[in-house]
PDB file of N, CA and C in Angstrom:
ATOM      1  N   MET A   1      71.528 127.744 104.960  1.00  0.00           N
ATOM      2  CA  MET A   1      71.761 126.769 104.447  1.00  0.00           C
ATOM      3  C   MET A   1      73.354 127.186 104.028  1.00  0.00           C
ATOM      4  N   SER A   2      73.962 128.082 104.528  1.00  0.00           N
ATOM      5  CA  SER A   2      75.482 128.565 103.875  1.00  0.00           C
ATOM      6  C   SER A   2      75.835 128.207 105.139  1.00  0.00           C
ATOM      7  N   PHE A   3      75.447 128.403 106.422  1.00  0.00           N
ATOM      8  CA  PHE A   3      75.945 127.775 107.008  1.00  0.00           C
ATOM      9  C   PHE A   3      75.899 125.924 107.003  1.00  0.00           C
ATOM     10  N   MET A   4      75.115 125.226 107.032  1.00  0.00           N
ATOM     11  CA  MET A   4      75.285 124.033 107.080  1.00  0.00           C
ATOM     12  C   MET A   4      76.144 123.737 105.832  1.00  0.00           C
ATOM     13  N   LYS A   5      76.114 124.141 104.534  1.00  0.00           N
ATOM     14  CA  LYS A   5      77.851 124.167 103.532  1.00  0.00           C
ATOM     15  C   LYS A   5      79.003 124.183 104.149  1.00  0.00           C
ATOM     16  N   ASP A   6      79.074 125.406 105.126  1.00  0.00           N
ATOM     17  CA  ASP A   6      80.392 125.605 105.684  1.00  0.00           C
ATOM     18  C   ASP A   6      80.649 124.409 106.835  1.00  0.00           C
ATOM     19  N   VAL A   7      79.734 123.840 107.056  1.00  0.00           N
ATOM     20  CA  VAL A   7      79.589 123.011 108.253  1.00  0.00           C
ATOM     21  C   VAL A   7      80.423 121.930 107.634  1.00  0.00           C
ATOM     22  N   LYS A   8      79.535 121.101 106.225  1.00  0.00           N
ATOM     23  CA  LYS A   8      80.063 120.243 105.540  1.00  0.00           C
ATOM     24  C   LYS A   8      81.362 120.557 105.057  1.00  0.00           C
ATOM     25  N   GLU A   9      81.711 121.423 104.721  1.00  0.00           N
ATOM     26  CA  GLU A   9      83.166 121.444 104.112  1.00  0.00           C
ATOM     27  C   GLU A   9      83.867 121.481 105.635  1.00  0.00           C
ATOM     28  N   GLU A  10      84.010 122.357 106.235  1.00  0.00           N
ATOM     29  CA  GLU A  10      84.653 121.920 107.646  1.00  0.00           C
ATOM     30  C   GLU A  10      84.860 120.353 107.895  1.00  0.00           C
ATOM     31  N   ALA A  11      83.422 119.435 107.973  1.00  0.00           N
ATOM     32  CA  ALA A  11      84.165 118.336 108.368  1.00  0.00           C
ATOM     33  C   ALA A  11      84.774 117.398 107.177  1.00  0.00           C
ATOM     34  N   GLU A  12      84.924 117.831 105.557  1.00  0.00           N
ATOM     35  CA  GLU A  12      85.780 117.664 104.854  1.00  0.00           C
ATOM     36  C   GLU A  12      87.384 117.530 105.135  1.00  0.00           C
ATOM     37  N   ILE A  13      87.421 118.939 105.166  1.00  0.00           N
ATOM     38  CA  ILE A  13      89.185 119.339 105.695  1.00  0.00           C
ATOM     39  C   ILE A  13      89.411 118.339 106.808  1.00  0.00           C
ATOM     40  N   ARG A  14      88.410 118.452 108.211  1.00  0.00           N
ATOM     41  CA  ARG A  14      88.997 117.580 109.273  1.00  0.00           C
ATOM     42  C   ARG A  14      89.410 116.328 108.619  1.00  0.00           C
ATOM     43  N   LYS A  15      88.649 115.996 107.755  1.00  0.00           N
ATOM     44  CA  LYS A  15      88.895 114.212 107.537  1.00  0.00           C
ATOM     45  C   LYS A  15      89.808 114.115 106.717  1.00  0.00           C
ATOM     46  N   LYS A  16      90.466 115.255 105.975  1.00  0.00           N
ATOM     47  CA  LYS A  16      91.322 115.029 105.009  1.00  0.00           C
ATOM     48  C   LYS A  16      92.716 115.503 105.893  1.00  0.00           C
ATOM     49  N   ARG A  17      92.433 116.112 106.944  1.00  0.00           N
ATOM     50  CA  ARG A  17      93.838 116.303 107.472  1.00  0.00           C
ATOM     51  C   ARG A  17      93.657 115.487 108.678  1.00  0.00           C
ATOM     52  N   ASN A  18      93.083 114.857 109.047  1.00  0.00           N
ATOM     53  CA  ASN A  18      93.424 113.514 110.051  1.00  0.00           C
ATOM     54  C   ASN A  18      93.761 111.932 108.691  1.00  0.00           C
ATOM     55  N   GLN A  19      94.201 111.949 107.697  1.00  0.00           N
ATOM     56  CA  GLN A  19      94.122 110.696 106.391  1.00  0.00           C
ATOM     57  C   GLN A  19      95.279 111.760 106.444  1.00  0.00           C
ATOM     58  N   ILE A  20      96.043 112.829 106.555  1.00  0.00           N
ATOM     59  CA  ILE A  20      97.076 113.135 106.100  1.00  0.00           C
ATOM     60  C   ILE A  20      98.504 112.652 107.294  1.00  0.00           C
ATOM     61  N   ARG A  21      97.715 112.845 108.552  1.00  0.00           N
ATOM     62  CA  ARG A  21      98.406 112.783 109.556  1.00  0.00           C
ATOM     63  C   ARG A  21      98.302 111.134 110.039  1.00  0.00           C
ATOM     64  N   ILE A  22      97.183 110.473 109.463  1.00  0.00           N
ATOM     65  CA  ILE A  22      96.989 108.859 109.345  1.00  0.00           C
ATOM     66  C   ILE A  22      98.539 108.480 108.599  1.00  0.00           C
ATOM     67  N   ALA A  23      98.513 108.918 107.371  1.00  0.00           N
ATOM     68  CA  ALA A  23      99.589 108.630 106.262  1.00  0.00           C
ATOM     69  C   ALA A  23     101.133 109.031 107.076  1.00  0.00           C
ATOM     70  N   THR A  24     101.411 110.052 107.543  1.00  0.00           N
ATOM     71  CA  THR A  24     102.283 111.179 108.293  1.00  0.00           C
ATOM     72  C   THR A  24     102.846 109.730 109.226  1.00  0.00           C
ATOM     73  N   TRP A  25     102.071 109.254 110.212  1.00  0.00           N
ATOM     74  CA  TRP A  25     102.516 108.498 110.944  1.00  0.00           C
ATOM     75  C   TRP A  25     102.854 106.925 110.498  1.00  0.00           C
ATOM     76  N   VAL A  26     101.963 106.707 109.759  1.00  0.00           N
ATOM     77  CA  VAL A  26     102.490 105.359 108.787  1.00  0.00           C
ATOM     78  C   VAL A  26     103.689 105.592 108.507  1.00  0.00           C
ATOM     79  N   ILE A  27     104.315 106.488 107.444  1.00  0.00           N
ATOM     80  CA  ILE A  27     105.329 106.628 106.651  1.00  0.00           C
ATOM     81  C   ILE A  27     106.347 106.773 108.024  1.00  0.00           C
ATOM     82  N   VAL A  28     106.250 107.531 108.920  1.00  0.00           N
ATOM     83  CA  VAL A  28     107.668 107.460 109.766  1.00  0.00           C
ATOM     84  C   VAL A  28     107.833 106.311 110.505  1.00  0.00           C
ATOM     85  N   ALA A  29     106.486 105.448 110.966  1.00  0.00           N
ATOM     86  CA  ALA A  29     106.560 104.077 111.572  1.00  0.00           C
ATOM     87  C   ALA A  29     107.337 103.471 110.557  1.00  0.00           C
ATOM     88  N   ILE A  30     106.859 103.349 109.153  1.00  0.00           N
ATOM     89  CA  ILE A  30     107.514 102.335 108.020  1.00  0.00           C
ATOM     90  C   ILE A  30     109.302 102.956 107.663  1.00  0.00           C
ATOM     91  N   VAL A  31     109.485 104.246 108.601  1.00  0.00           N
ATOM     92  CA  VAL A  31     111.007 104.521 108.240  1.00  0.00           C
ATOM     93  C   VAL A  31     111.466 104.186 109.618  1.00  0.00           C
ATOM     94  N   LEU A  32     111.053 104.637 110.631  1.00  0.00           N
ATOM     95  CA  LEU A  32     111.593 103.716 111.757  1.00  0.00           C
ATOM     96  C   LEU A  32     112.322 102.539 111.741  1.00  0.00           C
ATOM     97  N   ALA A  33     111.311 101.687 110.939  1.00  0.00           N
ATOM     98  CA  ALA A  33     111.152 100.195 111.051  1.00  0.00           C
ATOM     99  C   ALA A  33     112.467 100.129 110.449  1.00  0.00           C
ATOM    100  N   LEU A  34     112.545 100.080 108.984  1.00  0.00           N
ATOM    101  CA  LEU A  34     113.342 100.120 107.646  1.00  0.00           C
ATOM    102  C   LEU A  34     115.074 100.526 108.455  1.00  0.00           C
ATOM    103  N   VAL A  35     114.761 101.819 109.172  1.00  0.00           N
ATOM    104  CA  VAL A  35     116.681 102.136 110.093  1.00  0.00           C
ATOM    105  C   VAL A  35     116.816 101.266 110.847  1.00  0.00           C
ATOM    106  N   TRP A  36     116.037 100.676 112.172  1.00  0.00           N
ATOM    107  CA  TRP A  36     116.257  99.869 112.797  1.00  0.00           C
ATOM    108  C   TRP A  36     116.560  98.309 112.483  1.00  0.00           C
ATOM    109  N   TYR A  37     116.103  97.764 111.436  1.00  0.00           N
ATOM    110  CA  TYR A  37     115.833  96.428 110.692  1.00  0.00           C
ATOM    111  C   TYR A  37     117.661  96.749 109.935  1.00  0.00           C
ATOM    112  N   PHE A  38     118.189  97.633 109.061  1.00  0.00           N
ATOM    113  CA  PHE A  38     118.931  97.563 108.700  1.00  0.00           C
ATOM    114  C   PHE A  38     120.751  98.007 109.407  1.00  0.00           C
ATOM    115  N   THR A  39     119.964  98.664 110.881  1.00  0.00           N
ATOM    116  CA  THR A  39     120.995  99.050 111.897  1.00  0.00           C
ATOM    117  C   THR A  39     121.213  98.291 112.405  1.00  0.00           C
ATOM    118  N   ARG A  40     120.721  97.392 113.206  1.00  0.00           N
ATOM    119  CA  ARG A  40     120.943  95.974 114.107  1.00  0.00           C
ATOM    120  C   ARG A  40     121.831  95.108 113.795  1.00  0.00           C
TER     121      ARG A  40
END
């Protein structure tokens, strides 16, 4: 039973990590777009 629990927790952690990575890329993209917009 504990093995299944570990797998479930691992999946949750991985999902959270993916969300953080996506959020980071979105923020980077927005910042780059703003910099490009204001410096052209």
